[in-house]
Amino acid sequence: MPELSDTQHEQFARLVAGGAAKVDAYLKVYPETDSTLARTKASRLSLRLDIEERIGDLQEESADEAIWALTDRLDYLRATAETPYSAIDATSPLCKGMKYTAYGVEYKMPNKLQAVALYGKLAGDKDAAPSTERNLLREMIGAIRSRAWSKEAEEAGLMPKPPAKTCLTNHRHERFAQLVGCGERATYAYEKIYEVRRSTARVEGYCLSRRPEVAERIRQIRGVGAALAGWTPLQRMRYLRGLAEIPIGEITEDSPYCQGVSRTRFGADLKIPSKINAVAQYSALADLRQKQKQGKTIEQVVTNLRSQGDHAVANGTERSLLAYVADTVR
């Protein structure tokens, strides 16, 4: 959609698409408006069809920018975990504070384990695709899809549609997915977009984030960001295991496991992240990795296919798998 002919309407749409509250955007465009009437007028203006479409177009254009912002965050978190303390000074973006003492300057870094945990959350570990190892059950389903049962499903008009990989048609849902995909809490994202009370946003934000198309879009944004950042769960597991097993005597200021240094007249006191917390995070990643490798039961596969409307393939899969199991038992 081209720019709006009314320059004030165009400015209002750009401000709202950029994340500004409707009231604030309206007052900035129309500063002479009484603040008591601004909320009503802003809501009325945002509901105009041309302005609503323009806001949606602007938010879709910013989708790629949101994904790049996510990769920047992931890179920052990985650098926080892996950068040694000796590389930190007052000019480093990883320095969160400094303290002058009689023995020199002490710099403070963000918590390394919290950085690893947040990386996993933003990278969408729980939304990760199943393992790429060979899965005979999946291969059998693929064979059925490519032969007679896919033909029967096509004739019945029941072939499943491929998942959408573009922006959501509802521009508010798209903006919500972008915010949540970039690490914002669902409550705050919903409150910011719909301008409702916190108590309402907590419930509605949770429900919206569980809608299939919104959840899939959030997973796509997180997945793209994680792929570009490249710190895989297996690499993080190695980092956490190394932290737990390394003797404290081998940790120096140049070690990625050094959280900070406190200098005294007796020497330098090294600060090390909690080894127990490292083991806990390692265990969580290991459990998640194990679950992704586990296969599904016949009932789960068939139920999932039927829920997608793929009844013909589900029936063929069920009969073929049951026959295969029966032959195997014999």
C-alpha atoms as a PDB file:
ATOM      1  CA  MET A   1       0.000   0.000   0.000  1.00  0.00           C
ATOM      2  CA  PRO A   2       1.452   3.426  -0.974  1.00  0.00           C
ATOM      3  CA  GLU A   3       1.915   6.256   1.487  1.00  0.00           C
ATOM      4  CA  LEU A   4      -1.248   7.958   2.684  1.00  0.00           C
ATOM      5  CA  SER A   5      -2.114  11.213   0.949  1.00  0.00           C
ATOM      6  CA  ASP A   6      -2.680  12.935   4.290  1.00  0.00           C
ATOM      7  CA  THR A   7       0.775  13.539   5.747  1.00  0.00           C
ATOM      8  CA  GLN A   8      -0.530  13.623   9.321  1.00  0.00           C
ATOM      9  CA  HIS A   9      -2.272  10.280   8.876  1.00  0.00           C
ATOM     10  CA  GLU A  10       0.926   8.840   7.399  1.00  0.00           C
ATOM     11  CA  GLN A  11       2.945  10.121  10.374  1.00  0.00           C
ATOM     12  CA  PHE A  12       0.407   8.650  12.795  1.00  0.00           C
ATOM     13  CA  ALA A  13       0.552   5.266  11.045  1.00  0.00           C
ATOM     14  CA  ARG A  14       4.360   5.220  11.126  1.00  0.00           C
ATOM     15  CA  LEU A  15       4.470   6.078  14.821  1.00  0.00           C
ATOM     16  CA  VAL A  16       1.963   3.343  15.736  1.00  0.00           C
ATOM     17  CA  ALA A  17       3.700   0.788  13.499  1.00  0.00           C
ATOM     18  CA  GLY A  18       6.957   1.662  15.218  1.00  0.00           C
ATOM     19  CA  GLY A  19       5.513   0.719  18.612  1.00  0.00           C
ATOM     20  CA  ALA A  20       4.242   4.033  19.943  1.00  0.00           C
ATOM     21  CA  ALA A  21       0.981   4.071  21.887  1.00  0.00           C
ATOM     22  CA  LYS A  22      -1.930   5.394  19.853  1.00  0.00           C
ATOM     23  CA  VAL A  23      -2.580   8.227  22.292  1.00  0.00           C
ATOM     24  CA  ASP A  24       1.055   9.339  22.267  1.00  0.00           C
ATOM     25  CA  ALA A  25       1.192   9.128  18.482  1.00  0.00           C
ATOM     26  CA  TYR A  26      -1.988  11.184  18.121  1.00  0.00           C
ATOM     27  CA  LEU A  27      -0.783  13.880  20.521  1.00  0.00           C
ATOM     28  CA  LYS A  28       2.522  14.097  18.666  1.00  0.00           C
ATOM     29  CA  VAL A  29       0.769  14.522  15.319  1.00  0.00           C
ATOM     30  CA  TYR A  30      -1.987  16.763  16.684  1.00  0.00           C
ATOM     31  CA  PRO A  31      -0.366  18.556  19.658  1.00  0.00           C
ATOM     32  CA  GLU A  32      -3.238  21.017  19.984  1.00  0.00           C
ATOM     33  CA  THR A  33      -5.687  18.206  20.897  1.00  0.00           C
ATOM     34  CA  ASP A  34      -7.010  18.103  24.452  1.00  0.00           C
ATOM     35  CA  SER A  35      -5.413  15.167  26.273  1.00  0.00           C
ATOM     36  CA  THR A  36      -8.792  14.048  27.646  1.00  0.00           C
ATOM     37  CA  LEU A  37     -10.123  13.539  24.111  1.00  0.00           C
ATOM     38  CA  ALA A  38      -6.941  12.166  22.572  1.00  0.00           C
ATOM     39  CA  ARG A  39      -7.627   8.533  23.493  1.00  0.00           C
ATOM     40  CA  THR A  40     -11.044   8.518  21.803  1.00  0.00           C
ATOM     41  CA  LYS A  41      -9.818  10.322  18.703  1.00  0.00           C
ATOM     42  CA  ALA A  42      -6.721   8.122  18.415  1.00  0.00           C
ATOM     43  CA  SER A  43      -8.797   4.960  18.647  1.00  0.00           C
ATOM     44  CA  ARG A  44     -11.258   6.251  16.057  1.00  0.00           C
ATOM     45  CA  LEU A  45      -8.460   7.246  13.670  1.00  0.00           C
ATOM     46  CA  SER A  46      -6.657   3.912  13.987  1.00  0.00           C
ATOM     47  CA  LEU A  47      -9.859   2.050  13.016  1.00  0.00           C
ATOM     48  CA  ARG A  48     -10.066   3.742   9.621  1.00  0.00           C
ATOM     49  CA  LEU A  49      -9.570   1.098   6.965  1.00  0.00           C
ATOM     50  CA  ASP A  50      -6.835   2.904   5.056  1.00  0.00           C
ATOM     51  CA  ILE A  51      -4.847   3.690   8.211  1.00  0.00           C
ATOM     52  CA  GLU A  52      -5.234   0.188   9.619  1.00  0.00           C
ATOM     53  CA  GLU A  53      -3.968  -1.306   6.337  1.00  0.00           C
ATOM     54  CA  ARG A  54      -1.082   1.159   6.236  1.00  0.00           C
ATOM     55  CA  ILE A  55      -0.054   0.240   9.793  1.00  0.00           C
ATOM     56  CA  GLY A  56      -0.161  -3.433   8.840  1.00  0.00           C
ATOM     57  CA  ASP A  57       2.027  -2.852   5.770  1.00  0.00           C
ATOM     58  CA  LEU A  58       4.596  -0.894   7.776  1.00  0.00           C
ATOM     59  CA  GLN A  59       4.766  -3.603  10.428  1.00  0.00           C
ATOM     60  CA  GLU A  60       5.271  -6.303   7.783  1.00  0.00           C
ATOM     61  CA  GLU A  61       8.133  -4.280   6.315  1.00  0.00           C
ATOM     62  CA  SER A  62       9.774  -4.197   9.743  1.00  0.00           C
ATOM     63  CA  ALA A  63       9.530  -7.991  10.250  1.00  0.00           C
ATOM     64  CA  ASP A  64      13.030  -8.622   8.871  1.00  0.00           C
ATOM     65  CA  GLU A  65      14.411  -5.859  11.067  1.00  0.00           C
ATOM     66  CA  ALA A  66      12.904  -7.579  14.092  1.00  0.00           C
ATOM     67  CA  ILE A  67      14.628 -10.833  13.138  1.00  0.00           C
ATOM     68  CA  TRP A  68      17.986  -9.095  12.802  1.00  0.00           C
ATOM     69  CA  ALA A  69      17.459  -7.505  16.183  1.00  0.00           C
ATOM     70  CA  LEU A  70      16.990 -10.994  17.580  1.00  0.00           C
ATOM     71  CA  THR A  71      20.252 -12.214  16.059  1.00  0.00           C
ATOM     72  CA  ASP A  72      22.048  -9.263  17.613  1.00  0.00           C
ATOM     73  CA  ARG A  73      20.683 -10.267  21.002  1.00  0.00           C
ATOM     74  CA  LEU A  74      21.750 -13.857  20.527  1.00  0.00           C
ATOM     75  CA  ASP A  75      25.252 -12.784  19.515  1.00  0.00           C
ATOM     76  CA  TYR A  76      25.463 -10.569  22.592  1.00  0.00           C
ATOM     77  CA  LEU A  77      24.389 -13.392  24.914  1.00  0.00           C
ATOM     78  CA  ARG A  78      26.893 -15.804  23.400  1.00  0.00           C
ATOM     79  CA  ALA A  79      29.651 -13.210  23.737  1.00  0.00           C
ATOM     80  CA  THR A  80      28.681 -12.697  27.381  1.00  0.00           C
ATOM     81  CA  ALA A  81      29.187 -16.388  28.102  1.00  0.00           C
ATOM     82  CA  GLU A  82      32.380 -16.915  26.113  1.00  0.00           C
ATOM     83  CA  THR A  83      34.305 -13.639  26.539  1.00  0.00           C
ATOM     84  CA  PRO A  84      37.050 -13.885  29.195  1.00  0.00           C
ATOM     85  CA  TYR A  85      37.112 -11.335  31.979  1.00  0.00           C
ATOM     86  CA  SER A  86      40.530 -10.056  30.902  1.00  0.00           C
ATOM     87  CA  ALA A  87      38.987  -8.746  27.663  1.00  0.00           C
ATOM     88  CA  ILE A  88      36.549  -6.486  29.542  1.00  0.00           C
ATOM     89  CA  ASP A  89      37.195  -2.804  30.141  1.00  0.00           C
ATOM     90  CA  ALA A  90      35.172   0.400  30.417  1.00  0.00           C
ATOM     91  CA  THR A  91      34.718   0.572  26.620  1.00  0.00           C
ATOM     92  CA  SER A  92      33.360  -2.989  26.285  1.00  0.00           C
ATOM     93  CA  PRO A  93      29.607  -3.443  25.711  1.00  0.00           C
ATOM     94  CA  LEU A  94      29.809  -6.416  28.087  1.00  0.00           C
ATOM     95  CA  CYS A  95      30.837  -4.220  31.035  1.00  0.00           C
ATOM     96  CA  LYS A  96      27.822  -3.498  33.228  1.00  0.00           C
ATOM     97  CA  GLY A  97      29.666  -1.650  35.995  1.00  0.00           C
ATOM     98  CA  MET A  98      33.015  -0.724  37.438  1.00  0.00           C
ATOM     99  CA  LYS A  99      34.438  -0.058  40.890  1.00  0.00           C
ATOM    100  CA  TYR A 100      37.595   1.813  41.829  1.00  0.00           C
ATOM    101  CA  THR A 101      39.608   0.312  44.664  1.00  0.00           C
ATOM    102  CA  ALA A 102      43.052   0.845  46.135  1.00  0.00           C
ATOM    103  CA  TYR A 103      44.270  -2.104  44.091  1.00  0.00           C
ATOM    104  CA  GLY A 104      42.855  -1.072  40.737  1.00  0.00           C
ATOM    105  CA  VAL A 105      39.599  -1.049  38.804  1.00  0.00           C
ATOM    106  CA  GLU A 106      37.121  -3.919  39.096  1.00  0.00           C
ATOM    107  CA  TYR A 107      34.765  -4.476  36.188  1.00  0.00           C
ATOM    108  CA  LYS A 108      31.416  -6.254  36.417  1.00  0.00           C
ATOM    109  CA  MET A 109      30.031  -8.545  33.727  1.00  0.00           C
ATOM    110  CA  PRO A 110      26.484  -9.809  33.161  1.00  0.00           C
ATOM    111  CA  ASN A 111      25.748 -13.227  34.646  1.00  0.00           C
ATOM    112  CA  LYS A 112      27.108 -15.869  32.276  1.00  0.00           C
ATOM    113  CA  LEU A 113      24.669 -18.642  33.198  1.00  0.00           C
ATOM    114  CA  GLN A 114      21.700 -16.322  32.859  1.00  0.00           C
ATOM    115  CA  ALA A 115      23.012 -15.431  29.405  1.00  0.00           C
ATOM    116  CA  VAL A 116      23.127 -19.117  28.415  1.00  0.00           C
ATOM    117  CA  ALA A 117      19.602 -19.695  29.743  1.00  0.00           C
ATOM    118  CA  LEU A 118      18.188 -16.648  27.957  1.00  0.00           C
ATOM    119  CA  TYR A 119      19.942 -17.678  24.741  1.00  0.00           C
ATOM    120  CA  GLY A 120      18.109 -20.999  24.838  1.00  0.00           C
ATOM    121  CA  LYS A 121      14.791 -19.255  25.395  1.00  0.00           C
ATOM    122  CA  LEU A 122      15.254 -16.804  22.529  1.00  0.00           C
ATOM    123  CA  ALA A 123      16.644 -19.487  20.232  1.00  0.00           C
ATOM    124  CA  GLY A 124      13.436 -21.470  20.679  1.00  0.00           C
ATOM    125  CA  ASP A 125      14.957 -24.654  22.072  1.00  0.00           C
ATOM    126  CA  LYS A 126      11.509 -25.963  23.012  1.00  0.00           C
ATOM    127  CA  ASP A 127      10.221 -25.171  19.518  1.00  0.00           C
ATOM    128  CA  ALA A 128      13.168 -26.808  17.783  1.00  0.00           C
ATOM    129  CA  ALA A 129      12.534 -29.198  14.937  1.00  0.00           C
ATOM    130  CA  PRO A 130      12.764 -32.936  15.663  1.00  0.00           C
ATOM    131  CA  SER A 131      16.054 -34.733  15.230  1.00  0.00           C
ATOM    132  CA  THR A 132      17.253 -35.248  11.644  1.00  0.00           C
ATOM    133  CA  GLU A 133      18.254 -38.829  12.396  1.00  0.00           C
ATOM    134  CA  ARG A 134      16.555 -41.529  10.334  1.00  0.00           C
ATOM    135  CA  ASN A 135      12.979 -42.180  11.435  1.00  0.00           C
ATOM    136  CA  LEU A 136      11.388 -45.251   9.870  1.00  0.00           C
ATOM    137  CA  LEU A 137       7.929 -44.178  10.969  1.00  0.00           C
ATOM    138  CA  ARG A 138       8.275 -40.840   9.190  1.00  0.00           C
ATOM    139  CA  GLU A 139       9.652 -42.544   6.090  1.00  0.00           C
ATOM    140  CA  MET A 140       6.659 -44.896   5.984  1.00  0.00           C
ATOM    141  CA  ILE A 141       4.252 -41.964   6.251  1.00  0.00           C
ATOM    142  CA  GLY A 142       6.116 -40.219   3.441  1.00  0.00           C
ATOM    143  CA  ALA A 143       5.822 -43.293   1.265  1.00  0.00           C
ATOM    144  CA  ILE A 144       2.082 -43.480   1.865  1.00  0.00           C
ATOM    145  CA  ARG A 145       1.692 -39.777   1.097  1.00  0.00           C
ATOM    146  CA  SER A 146       3.532 -40.157  -2.211  1.00  0.00           C
ATOM    147  CA  ARG A 147       1.441 -43.093  -3.452  1.00  0.00           C
ATOM    148  CA  ALA A 148      -2.155 -44.251  -3.305  1.00  0.00           C
ATOM    149  CA  TRP A 149      -3.267 -42.561  -0.100  1.00  0.00           C
ATOM    150  CA  SER A 150      -2.082 -39.111  -1.161  1.00  0.00           C
ATOM    151  CA  LYS A 151      -4.089 -39.574  -4.363  1.00  0.00           C
ATOM    152  CA  GLU A 152      -7.183 -40.535  -2.376  1.00  0.00           C
ATOM    153  CA  ALA A 153      -6.712 -37.543  -0.088  1.00  0.00           C
ATOM    154  CA  GLU A 154      -6.327 -35.230  -3.077  1.00  0.00           C
ATOM    155  CA  GLU A 155      -9.535 -36.554  -4.646  1.00  0.00           C
ATOM    156  CA  ALA A 156     -11.353 -35.998  -1.357  1.00  0.00           C
ATOM    157  CA  GLY A 157      -9.960 -32.479  -1.040  1.00  0.00           C
ATOM    158  CA  LEU A 158      -8.268 -33.319   2.252  1.00  0.00           C
ATOM    159  CA  MET A 159      -4.605 -32.736   1.412  1.00  0.00           C
ATOM    160  CA  PRO A 160      -3.035 -30.631   4.171  1.00  0.00           C
ATOM    161  CA  LYS A 161      -1.882 -27.144   3.291  1.00  0.00           C
ATOM    162  CA  PRO A 162       1.796 -26.286   3.824  1.00  0.00           C
ATOM    163  CA  PRO A 163       2.446 -24.095   6.859  1.00  0.00           C
ATOM    164  CA  ALA A 164       2.526 -20.397   6.124  1.00  0.00           C
ATOM    165  CA  LYS A 165       5.980 -18.827   6.217  1.00  0.00           C
ATOM    166  CA  THR A 166       4.924 -15.243   5.577  1.00  0.00           C
ATOM    167  CA  CYS A 167       3.734 -12.546   7.924  1.00  0.00           C
ATOM    168  CA  LEU A 168       0.365 -13.032   9.604  1.00  0.00           C
ATOM    169  CA  THR A 169      -2.583 -11.382   7.876  1.00  0.00           C
ATOM    170  CA  ASN A 170      -3.671  -9.766  11.127  1.00  0.00           C
ATOM    171  CA  HIS A 171      -1.093  -7.009  11.593  1.00  0.00           C
ATOM    172  CA  ARG A 172      -1.647  -6.910  15.360  1.00  0.00           C
ATOM    173  CA  HIS A 173      -0.986 -10.610  15.647  1.00  0.00           C
ATOM    174  CA  GLU A 174       2.129 -10.160  13.487  1.00  0.00           C
ATOM    175  CA  ARG A 175       3.407  -7.359  15.712  1.00  0.00           C
ATOM    176  CA  PHE A 176       2.679  -9.489  18.794  1.00  0.00           C
ATOM    177  CA  ALA A 177       4.615 -12.419  17.311  1.00  0.00           C
ATOM    178  CA  GLN A 178       7.558 -10.143  16.487  1.00  0.00           C
ATOM    179  CA  LEU A 179       7.736  -8.787  20.029  1.00  0.00           C
ATOM    180  CA  VAL A 180       7.423 -12.197  21.701  1.00  0.00           C
ATOM    181  CA  GLY A 181       9.824 -13.758  19.197  1.00  0.00           C
ATOM    182  CA  CYS A 182      12.402 -11.103  20.105  1.00  0.00           C
ATOM    183  CA  GLY A 183      12.162 -11.888  23.825  1.00  0.00           C
ATOM    184  CA  GLU A 184       9.304  -9.691  25.050  1.00  0.00           C
ATOM    185  CA  ARG A 185       6.880 -11.246  27.509  1.00  0.00           C
ATOM    186  CA  ALA A 186       3.457 -12.055  26.077  1.00  0.00           C
ATOM    187  CA  THR A 187       1.753  -9.925  28.739  1.00  0.00           C
ATOM    188  CA  TYR A 188       3.766  -6.805  27.971  1.00  0.00           C
ATOM    189  CA  ALA A 189       3.509  -7.330  24.223  1.00  0.00           C
ATOM    190  CA  TYR A 190      -0.289  -7.643  24.373  1.00  0.00           C
ATOM    191  CA  GLU A 191      -0.595  -4.641  26.689  1.00  0.00           C
ATOM    192  CA  LYS A 192       1.535  -2.527  24.369  1.00  0.00           C
ATOM    193  CA  ILE A 193      -0.378  -3.440  21.216  1.00  0.00           C
ATOM    194  CA  TYR A 194      -3.962  -3.474  22.494  1.00  0.00           C
ATOM    195  CA  GLU A 195      -3.572  -0.853  25.244  1.00  0.00           C
ATOM    196  CA  VAL A 196      -5.482  -2.817  27.877  1.00  0.00           C
ATOM    197  CA  ARG A 197      -4.946  -3.306  31.576  1.00  0.00           C
ATOM    198  CA  ARG A 198      -2.161  -5.542  32.801  1.00  0.00           C
ATOM    199  CA  SER A 199      -4.586  -8.069  34.313  1.00  0.00           C
ATOM    200  CA  THR A 200      -6.414  -8.407  30.993  1.00  0.00           C
ATOM    201  CA  ALA A 201      -3.197  -8.529  28.993  1.00  0.00           C
ATOM    202  CA  ARG A 202      -1.872 -11.378  31.145  1.00  0.00           C
ATOM    203  CA  VAL A 203      -4.800 -13.639  30.196  1.00  0.00           C
ATOM    204  CA  GLU A 204      -5.317 -12.525  26.613  1.00  0.00           C
ATOM    205  CA  GLY A 205      -1.591 -12.479  25.856  1.00  0.00           C
ATOM    206  CA  TYR A 206      -1.257 -16.070  27.035  1.00  0.00           C
ATOM    207  CA  CYS A 207      -4.238 -17.177  24.920  1.00  0.00           C
ATOM    208  CA  LEU A 208      -2.977 -15.351  21.822  1.00  0.00           C
ATOM    209  CA  SER A 209       0.502 -16.851  22.125  1.00  0.00           C
ATOM    210  CA  ARG A 210      -1.097 -20.343  22.114  1.00  0.00           C
ATOM    211  CA  ARG A 211      -3.032 -19.813  18.882  1.00  0.00           C
ATOM    212  CA  PRO A 212      -1.503 -22.201  16.307  1.00  0.00           C
ATOM    213  CA  GLU A 213      -0.715 -19.599  13.634  1.00  0.00           C
ATOM    214  CA  VAL A 214       0.735 -17.137  16.160  1.00  0.00           C
ATOM    215  CA  ALA A 215       2.785 -19.812  17.936  1.00  0.00           C
ATOM    216  CA  GLU A 216       4.150 -20.990  14.575  1.00  0.00           C
ATOM    217  CA  ARG A 217       5.102 -17.441  13.580  1.00  0.00           C
ATOM    218  CA  ILE A 218       6.907 -16.933  16.920  1.00  0.00           C
ATOM    219  CA  ARG A 219       8.750 -20.205  16.361  1.00  0.00           C
ATOM    220  CA  GLN A 220       9.791 -19.078  12.859  1.00  0.00           C
ATOM    221  CA  ILE A 221      11.197 -15.782  14.130  1.00  0.00           C
ATOM    222  CA  ARG A 222      13.108 -17.489  16.936  1.00  0.00           C
ATOM    223  CA  GLY A 223      14.302 -20.248  14.640  1.00  0.00           C
ATOM    224  CA  VAL A 224      15.686 -17.875  12.010  1.00  0.00           C
ATOM    225  CA  GLY A 225      17.488 -15.887  14.668  1.00  0.00           C
ATOM    226  CA  ALA A 226      18.992 -19.004  16.229  1.00  0.00           C
ATOM    227  CA  ALA A 227      20.154 -20.314  12.866  1.00  0.00           C
ATOM    228  CA  LEU A 228      21.939 -17.065  12.116  1.00  0.00           C
ATOM    229  CA  ALA A 229      23.557 -16.868  15.540  1.00  0.00           C
ATOM    230  CA  GLY A 230      24.742 -20.462  15.321  1.00  0.00           C
ATOM    231  CA  TRP A 231      25.363 -21.380  18.978  1.00  0.00           C
ATOM    232  CA  THR A 232      23.711 -24.797  18.941  1.00  0.00           C
ATOM    233  CA  PRO A 233      22.315 -26.580  22.019  1.00  0.00           C
ATOM    234  CA  LEU A 234      25.145 -29.134  21.732  1.00  0.00           C
ATOM    235  CA  GLN A 235      27.752 -26.350  21.889  1.00  0.00           C
ATOM    236  CA  ARG A 236      26.033 -24.863  24.912  1.00  0.00           C
ATOM    237  CA  MET A 237      26.025 -28.274  26.575  1.00  0.00           C
ATOM    238  CA  ARG A 238      29.795 -28.497  26.068  1.00  0.00           C
ATOM    239  CA  TYR A 239      30.215 -25.047  27.589  1.00  0.00           C
ATOM    240  CA  LEU A 240      28.114 -25.941  30.638  1.00  0.00           C
ATOM    241  CA  ARG A 241      29.855 -29.268  31.138  1.00  0.00           C
ATOM    242  CA  GLY A 242      33.223 -27.567  30.883  1.00  0.00           C
ATOM    243  CA  LEU A 243      32.188 -25.068  33.552  1.00  0.00           C
ATOM    244  CA  ALA A 244      31.036 -27.832  35.891  1.00  0.00           C
ATOM    245  CA  GLU A 245      34.120 -30.048  35.471  1.00  0.00           C
ATOM    246  CA  ILE A 246      36.999 -27.578  35.252  1.00  0.00           C
ATOM    247  CA  PRO A 247      39.026 -27.292  38.488  1.00  0.00           C
ATOM    248  CA  ILE A 248      39.009 -23.801  39.969  1.00  0.00           C
ATOM    249  CA  GLY A 249      42.794 -23.824  39.927  1.00  0.00           C
ATOM    250  CA  GLU A 250      42.742 -23.857  36.130  1.00  0.00           C
ATOM    251  CA  ILE A 251      40.487 -20.809  35.837  1.00  0.00           C
ATOM    252  CA  THR A 252      42.216 -17.491  35.195  1.00  0.00           C
ATOM    253  CA  GLU A 253      41.131 -14.034  34.072  1.00  0.00           C
ATOM    254  CA  ASP A 254      41.585 -15.248  30.485  1.00  0.00           C
ATOM    255  CA  SER A 255      39.121 -18.131  30.961  1.00  0.00           C
ATOM    256  CA  PRO A 256      35.581 -17.870  29.546  1.00  0.00           C
ATOM    257  CA  TYR A 257      34.380 -19.284  32.877  1.00  0.00           C
ATOM    258  CA  CYS A 258      35.628 -16.280  34.884  1.00  0.00           C
ATOM    259  CA  GLN A 259      32.673 -14.126  35.930  1.00  0.00           C
ATOM    260  CA  GLY A 260      34.725 -11.358  37.540  1.00  0.00           C
ATOM    261  CA  VAL A 261      37.752 -10.460  39.645  1.00  0.00           C
ATOM    262  CA  SER A 262      37.943  -8.768  43.026  1.00  0.00           C
ATOM    263  CA  ARG A 263      41.418  -7.489  43.863  1.00  0.00           C
ATOM    264  CA  THR A 264      42.651  -7.372  47.453  1.00  0.00           C
ATOM    265  CA  ARG A 265      46.016  -6.942  49.108  1.00  0.00           C
ATOM    266  CA  PHE A 266      46.318 -10.728  49.165  1.00  0.00           C
ATOM    267  CA  GLY A 267      45.781 -11.086  45.426  1.00  0.00           C
ATOM    268  CA  ALA A 268      42.926 -11.504  42.956  1.00  0.00           C
ATOM    269  CA  ASP A 269      39.724 -13.293  43.995  1.00  0.00           C
ATOM    270  CA  LEU A 270      38.110 -14.921  40.961  1.00  0.00           C
ATOM    271  CA  LYS A 271      34.327 -15.120  40.711  1.00  0.00           C
ATOM    272  CA  ILE A 272      33.008 -18.313  39.126  1.00  0.00           C
ATOM    273  CA  PRO A 273      29.417 -18.995  37.978  1.00  0.00           C
ATOM    274  CA  SER A 274      27.514 -21.581  40.024  1.00  0.00           C
ATOM    275  CA  LYS A 275      28.551 -25.089  38.986  1.00  0.00           C
ATOM    276  CA  ILE A 276      25.272 -26.555  40.301  1.00  0.00           C
ATOM    277  CA  ASN A 277      23.260 -24.174  38.123  1.00  0.00           C
ATOM    278  CA  ALA A 278      25.440 -25.181  35.177  1.00  0.00           C
ATOM    279  CA  VAL A 279      24.595 -28.841  35.784  1.00  0.00           C
ATOM    280  CA  ALA A 280      20.891 -27.959  36.034  1.00  0.00           C
ATOM    281  CA  GLN A 281      20.937 -26.130  32.700  1.00  0.00           C
ATOM    282  CA  TYR A 282      22.913 -28.959  31.110  1.00  0.00           C
ATOM    283  CA  SER A 283      20.318 -31.470  32.341  1.00  0.00           C
ATOM    284  CA  ALA A 284      17.467 -29.392  30.918  1.00  0.00           C
ATOM    285  CA  LEU A 285      19.143 -29.251  27.490  1.00  0.00           C
ATOM    286  CA  ALA A 286      19.933 -32.971  27.616  1.00  0.00           C
ATOM    287  CA  ASP A 287      16.325 -33.858  28.498  1.00  0.00           C
ATOM    288  CA  LEU A 288      15.047 -31.667  25.667  1.00  0.00           C
ATOM    289  CA  ARG A 289      17.456 -33.295  23.236  1.00  0.00           C
ATOM    290  CA  GLN A 290      16.310 -36.764  24.337  1.00  0.00           C
ATOM    291  CA  LYS A 291      12.631 -35.877  23.906  1.00  0.00           C
ATOM    292  CA  GLN A 292      13.269 -34.641  20.363  1.00  0.00           C
ATOM    293  CA  LYS A 293      14.802 -38.016  19.499  1.00  0.00           C
ATOM    294  CA  GLN A 294      11.891 -40.056  20.840  1.00  0.00           C
ATOM    295  CA  GLY A 295       9.459 -41.431  18.282  1.00  0.00           C
ATOM    296  CA  LYS A 296       5.704 -41.124  18.393  1.00  0.00           C
ATOM    297  CA  THR A 297       3.205 -43.905  18.932  1.00  0.00           C
ATOM    298  CA  ILE A 298       0.896 -44.984  16.151  1.00  0.00           C
ATOM    299  CA  GLU A 299      -2.055 -43.387  17.938  1.00  0.00           C
ATOM    300  CA  GLN A 300      -0.247 -40.041  18.259  1.00  0.00           C
ATOM    301  CA  VAL A 301       0.736 -39.997  14.587  1.00  0.00           C
ATOM    302  CA  VAL A 302      -2.748 -40.864  13.376  1.00  0.00           C
ATOM    303  CA  THR A 303      -4.462 -38.412  15.731  1.00  0.00           C
ATOM    304  CA  ASN A 304      -2.165 -35.623  14.562  1.00  0.00           C
ATOM    305  CA  LEU A 305      -2.916 -36.380  10.906  1.00  0.00           C
ATOM    306  CA  ARG A 306      -6.671 -36.419  11.512  1.00  0.00           C
ATOM    307  CA  SER A 307      -6.500 -33.137  13.418  1.00  0.00           C
ATOM    308  CA  GLN A 308      -4.996 -31.602  10.252  1.00  0.00           C
ATOM    309  CA  GLY A 309      -7.912 -32.919   8.199  1.00  0.00           C
ATOM    310  CA  ASP A 310      -5.713 -35.525   6.522  1.00  0.00           C
ATOM    311  CA  HIS A 311      -8.147 -38.402   7.125  1.00  0.00           C
ATOM    312  CA  ALA A 312      -7.276 -40.511   4.080  1.00  0.00           C
ATOM    313  CA  VAL A 313      -3.563 -40.522   4.863  1.00  0.00           C
ATOM    314  CA  ALA A 314      -4.347 -41.172   8.558  1.00  0.00           C
ATOM    315  CA  ASN A 315      -6.427 -44.238   7.714  1.00  0.00           C
ATOM    316  CA  GLY A 316      -3.762 -45.588   5.365  1.00  0.00           C
ATOM    317  CA  THR A 317      -1.002 -44.934   7.872  1.00  0.00           C
ATOM    318  CA  GLU A 318      -2.890 -46.663  10.653  1.00  0.00           C
ATOM    319  CA  ARG A 319      -3.636 -49.778   8.610  1.00  0.00           C
ATOM    320  CA  SER A 320      -0.093 -49.999   7.227  1.00  0.00           C
ATOM    321  CA  LEU A 321       1.590 -49.541  10.596  1.00  0.00           C
ATOM    322  CA  LEU A 322      -0.672 -52.012  12.378  1.00  0.00           C
ATOM    323  CA  ALA A 323      -0.042 -54.570   9.648  1.00  0.00           C
ATOM    324  CA  TYR A 324       3.713 -53.912   9.900  1.00  0.00           C
ATOM    325  CA  VAL A 325       3.659 -54.379  13.675  1.00  0.00           C
ATOM    326  CA  ALA A 326       1.594 -57.571  13.351  1.00  0.00           C
ATOM    327  CA  ASP A 327       4.070 -59.029  10.855  1.00  0.00           C
ATOM    328  CA  THR A 328       6.979 -58.077  13.097  1.00  0.00           C
ATOM    329  CA  VAL A 329       5.434 -59.757  16.145  1.00  0.00           C
ATOM    330  CA  ARG A 330       4.939 -62.967  14.193  1.00  0.00           C
END
